[in-house]
Amino acid sequence: MLLIINKPSGIAVHRGMGQGPNLEAILKELAFGLPNPPQLAHRLDAGTSGCLVLGRHKVALKHLGHMFQTGQIKKTYWAVVNGSPEADEGVIDFPLAKQSADTRRWWMKVDLDGQQALTEYRVLSHGDFGLTLLELSPITGRTHQLRVHCQAMGFPILGDAIYGTRDKLEPSHLHLHARSVEIPYNPKRPVIQVVAPLPEHIIDTCAEYNLAYEE
């Protein structure tokens, strides 16, 4: 019915205007005996690593799409951010809208007239030089939601070229990782739970700046 893969950072899920690596170019390699390749059940930004859900055929895609839209699938992200929230856990509640009417751009902004966007957060650890490792759980699923919410709260995600600090010393990789996904696909069977190991660039940053975590 479905596949869950650990997408590397730097791989776009769709073919774009450029010639960079993208997931669509290799989906046929994941057919595993079915006549057609699997398709995306949701999306991750090119810079985001971790759990990505694919439906293996139309029936599965329809079911997964409904589950994502109705909030039945729980997604948990880990992010290294510049700064820290005042409280160790809470909910970020900022409505979001596109920055411009240009349909080619998906950059977002906080907008009181925008769509409701809610993100639960929890501090996992504090490190050196003001860095923090956060657990983020989107309640809604707006474009760039986690990245804009962290920026709006004053602790942008490390390596975010759009919503970050744009410091020359910023790392090139976005430090946002889709850590786990929980899918109650069949009510008669156990919930599907998958955890994606951290990518090397986040492991290295955690080691360098003393950010503790448990695998």
Protein backbone atom coordinates (compact mmCIF):
# COMPACT_ATOMS: atom_id res chain seq x y z
CA MET A 1 0.00 0.00 0.00
CA LEU A 2 2.71 2.50 0.94
CA LEU A 3 6.42 3.16 1.26
CA ILE A 4 8.17 5.43 3.74
CA ILE A 5 11.63 6.51 2.68
CA ASN A 6 14.35 8.55 4.38
CA LYS A 7 14.78 11.45 1.94
CA PRO A 8 18.23 13.06 1.98
CA SER A 9 18.63 16.80 2.40
CA GLY A 10 19.20 18.55 -0.94
CA ILE A 11 16.90 16.29 -2.96
CA ALA A 12 13.77 17.99 -4.36
CA VAL A 13 10.63 15.87 -4.48
CA HIS A 14 9.56 17.36 -7.85
CA ARG A 15 11.34 18.18 -11.07
CA GLY A 16 12.05 21.90 -11.08
CA MET A 17 13.29 24.47 -13.53
CA GLY A 18 16.88 23.53 -12.77
CA GLN A 19 18.73 20.29 -13.30
CA GLY A 20 19.26 19.39 -9.65
CA PRO A 21 18.60 15.93 -8.22
CA ASN A 22 14.94 15.13 -7.66
CA LEU A 23 12.88 12.22 -6.40
CA GLU A 24 10.55 12.04 -9.41
CA ALA A 25 13.47 10.97 -11.58
CA ILE A 26 13.95 7.75 -9.58
CA LEU A 27 10.41 6.81 -8.50
CA LYS A 28 10.29 4.08 -11.16
CA GLU A 29 13.06 2.31 -9.23
CA LEU A 30 10.66 1.98 -6.28
CA ALA A 31 7.84 0.15 -8.09
CA PHE A 32 8.97 -3.23 -6.71
CA GLY A 33 6.84 -5.31 -9.05
CA LEU A 34 3.83 -3.04 -9.49
CA PRO A 35 3.05 -1.74 -13.01
CA ASN A 36 3.36 1.92 -11.98
CA PRO A 37 5.80 3.75 -9.70
CA PRO A 38 4.64 5.07 -6.31
CA GLN A 39 3.60 8.71 -5.95
CA LEU A 40 3.99 11.33 -3.25
CA ALA A 41 1.37 11.27 -0.52
CA HIS A 42 2.72 14.59 0.85
CA ARG A 43 5.77 16.80 0.35
CA LEU A 44 9.01 17.80 2.00
CA ASP A 45 11.11 20.82 1.08
CA ALA A 46 14.29 20.02 -0.84
CA GLY A 47 16.42 20.94 2.17
CA THR A 48 14.38 18.88 4.63
CA SER A 49 15.50 15.31 5.27
CA GLY A 50 13.64 12.38 6.76
CA CYS A 51 10.37 10.48 6.56
CA LEU A 52 8.53 10.85 3.26
CA VAL A 53 5.37 8.83 2.59
CA LEU A 54 4.60 7.39 -0.85
CA GLY A 55 1.44 5.67 -1.99
CA ARG A 56 2.00 2.62 -4.21
CA HIS A 57 -1.25 2.95 -6.20
CA LYS A 58 -4.35 5.15 -6.59
CA VAL A 59 -6.36 3.52 -3.80
CA ALA A 60 -3.55 3.99 -1.30
CA LEU A 61 -2.90 7.57 -2.44
CA LYS A 62 -6.56 8.50 -2.00
CA HIS A 63 -6.66 6.97 1.48
CA LEU A 64 -3.39 8.59 2.55
CA GLY A 65 -4.48 11.95 1.13
CA HIS A 66 -7.65 11.83 3.21
CA MET A 67 -5.68 10.89 6.32
CA PHE A 68 -3.25 13.77 5.87
CA GLN A 69 -6.06 16.25 5.23
CA THR A 70 -8.00 15.18 8.31
CA GLY A 71 -5.00 15.18 10.63
CA GLN A 72 -4.93 11.43 11.28
CA ILE A 73 -1.23 11.12 10.46
CA LYS A 74 1.20 12.43 13.07
CA LYS A 75 4.45 13.94 11.81
CA THR A 76 7.29 14.89 14.14
CA TYR A 77 10.27 16.98 13.09
CA TRP A 78 13.57 17.83 14.74
CA ALA A 79 15.25 21.16 14.08
CA VAL A 80 18.38 22.95 15.23
CA VAL A 81 17.50 26.62 15.71
CA ASN A 82 19.32 29.87 16.43
CA GLY A 83 17.93 30.96 19.79
CA SER A 84 15.34 29.37 22.05
CA PRO A 85 11.67 29.70 23.00
CA GLU A 86 10.91 31.21 26.39
CA ALA A 87 8.99 28.10 27.51
CA ASP A 88 10.25 24.54 27.10
CA GLU A 89 7.04 23.53 25.32
CA GLY A 90 3.98 25.15 23.83
CA VAL A 91 1.99 25.89 20.67
CA ILE A 92 2.90 28.43 17.99
CA ASP A 93 -0.26 30.02 16.57
CA PHE A 94 0.46 32.34 13.63
CA PRO A 95 -1.74 32.38 10.49
CA LEU A 96 0.22 32.20 7.23
CA ALA A 97 -0.19 33.53 3.70
CA LYS A 98 1.95 33.79 0.57
CA GLN A 99 4.34 36.71 0.46
CA SER A 100 3.22 37.66 -3.06
CA ALA A 101 0.64 36.77 -5.71
CA ASP A 102 3.36 35.22 -7.90
CA THR A 103 2.18 31.62 -8.36
CA ARG A 104 5.77 30.52 -8.98
CA ARG A 105 6.80 31.54 -5.46
CA TRP A 106 5.87 29.61 -2.36
CA TRP A 107 7.55 31.90 0.16
CA MET A 108 5.25 32.51 3.12
CA LYS A 109 4.73 35.15 5.81
CA VAL A 110 2.76 35.61 9.01
CA ASP A 111 -0.52 37.28 8.04
CA LEU A 112 -3.50 37.83 10.33
CA ASP A 113 -5.76 37.37 7.30
CA GLY A 114 -4.02 34.15 6.27
CA GLN A 115 -4.82 30.49 6.93
CA GLN A 116 -4.68 29.17 10.47
CA ALA A 117 -1.37 27.45 11.23
CA LEU A 118 -0.56 25.64 14.48
CA THR A 119 2.70 24.01 15.56
CA GLU A 120 3.44 22.21 18.81
CA TYR A 121 7.05 22.47 20.00
CA ARG A 122 9.22 20.98 22.72
CA VAL A 123 12.80 21.76 23.66
CA LEU A 124 15.00 18.67 23.48
CA SER A 125 18.27 20.30 24.52
CA HIS A 126 20.19 23.57 24.74
CA GLY A 127 23.68 23.82 23.29
CA ASP A 128 26.56 26.24 22.93
CA PHE A 129 26.30 29.70 21.32
CA GLY A 130 22.54 29.87 21.80
CA LEU A 131 21.64 26.88 19.64
CA THR A 132 18.65 24.71 20.58
CA LEU A 133 17.40 21.33 19.41
CA LEU A 134 13.62 21.42 19.05
CA GLU A 135 10.92 18.85 18.43
CA LEU A 136 8.21 20.28 16.18
CA SER A 137 4.81 18.73 15.48
CA PRO A 138 2.64 20.52 12.90
CA ILE A 139 -1.06 20.41 13.73
CA THR A 140 -1.88 22.03 10.40
CA GLY A 141 0.04 21.51 7.17
CA ARG A 142 0.78 24.89 5.60
CA THR A 143 3.64 25.48 3.16
CA HIS A 144 6.92 26.22 4.97
CA GLN A 145 4.95 26.28 8.23
CA LEU A 146 7.70 25.14 10.58
CA ARG A 147 10.30 27.40 9.01
CA VAL A 148 8.13 30.53 9.14
CA HIS A 149 6.87 29.78 12.64
CA CYS A 150 10.39 29.40 13.99
CA GLN A 151 11.48 32.63 12.29
CA ALA A 152 8.44 34.51 13.61
CA MET A 153 9.17 33.31 17.15
CA GLY A 154 12.73 34.62 16.97
CA PHE A 155 14.59 31.32 16.61
CA PRO A 156 15.05 30.61 12.87
CA ILE A 157 16.13 27.16 11.74
CA LEU A 158 19.86 26.82 11.16
CA GLY A 159 20.83 26.85 7.49
CA ASP A 160 17.51 28.26 6.24
CA ALA A 161 18.46 30.38 3.22
CA ILE A 162 14.95 31.88 2.91
CA TYR A 163 13.76 32.43 6.48
CA GLY A 164 17.05 32.28 8.35
CA THR A 165 19.59 34.91 9.34
CA ARG A 166 21.38 34.88 5.96
CA ASP A 167 24.68 35.00 7.80
CA LYS A 168 27.73 34.10 5.72
CA LEU A 169 28.70 31.64 8.46
CA GLU A 170 25.38 29.77 8.20
CA PRO A 171 25.77 26.09 7.19
CA SER A 172 24.63 25.18 3.69
CA HIS A 173 22.24 22.43 4.82
CA LEU A 174 18.84 23.18 6.32
CA HIS A 175 18.76 21.70 9.84
CA LEU A 176 15.20 20.40 9.63
CA HIS A 177 14.54 16.65 9.74
CA ALA A 178 11.25 14.76 9.47
CA ARG A 179 12.11 12.54 12.41
CA SER A 180 9.08 10.26 12.58
CA VAL A 181 5.65 9.49 11.18
CA GLU A 182 2.73 7.55 12.66
CA ILE A 183 0.05 6.23 10.29
CA PRO A 184 -3.07 4.38 11.50
CA TYR A 185 -3.54 3.06 7.98
CA ASN A 186 -5.71 0.06 8.88
CA PRO A 187 -7.85 0.29 12.04
CA LYS A 188 -7.58 -3.49 12.44
CA ARG A 189 -3.77 -3.43 12.50
CA PRO A 190 -1.14 -1.70 14.62
CA VAL A 191 -0.24 1.90 13.82
CA ILE A 192 2.66 2.14 11.36
CA GLN A 193 5.49 3.94 13.16
CA VAL A 194 8.72 4.88 11.41
CA VAL A 195 11.70 6.83 12.75
CA ALA A 196 14.35 8.23 10.40
CA PRO A 197 17.93 8.44 11.69
CA LEU A 198 19.46 11.91 11.77
CA PRO A 199 21.49 13.02 8.74
CA GLU A 200 25.22 13.56 9.10
CA HIS A 201 25.06 17.36 9.00
CA ILE A 202 22.70 17.50 12.00
CA ILE A 203 24.70 14.85 13.89
CA ASP A 204 27.88 16.89 13.30
CA THR A 205 26.25 20.13 14.44
CA CYS A 206 24.87 18.51 17.59
CA ALA A 207 28.31 17.14 18.42
CA GLU A 208 30.07 20.43 17.74
CA TYR A 209 27.68 22.55 19.82
CA ASN A 210 26.89 20.04 22.60
CA LEU A 211 23.26 19.44 21.73
CA ALA A 212 22.22 16.25 23.48
CA TYR A 213 19.61 13.84 22.12
CA GLU A 214 18.57 10.22 22.32
CA GLU A 215 18.42 8.07 19.20
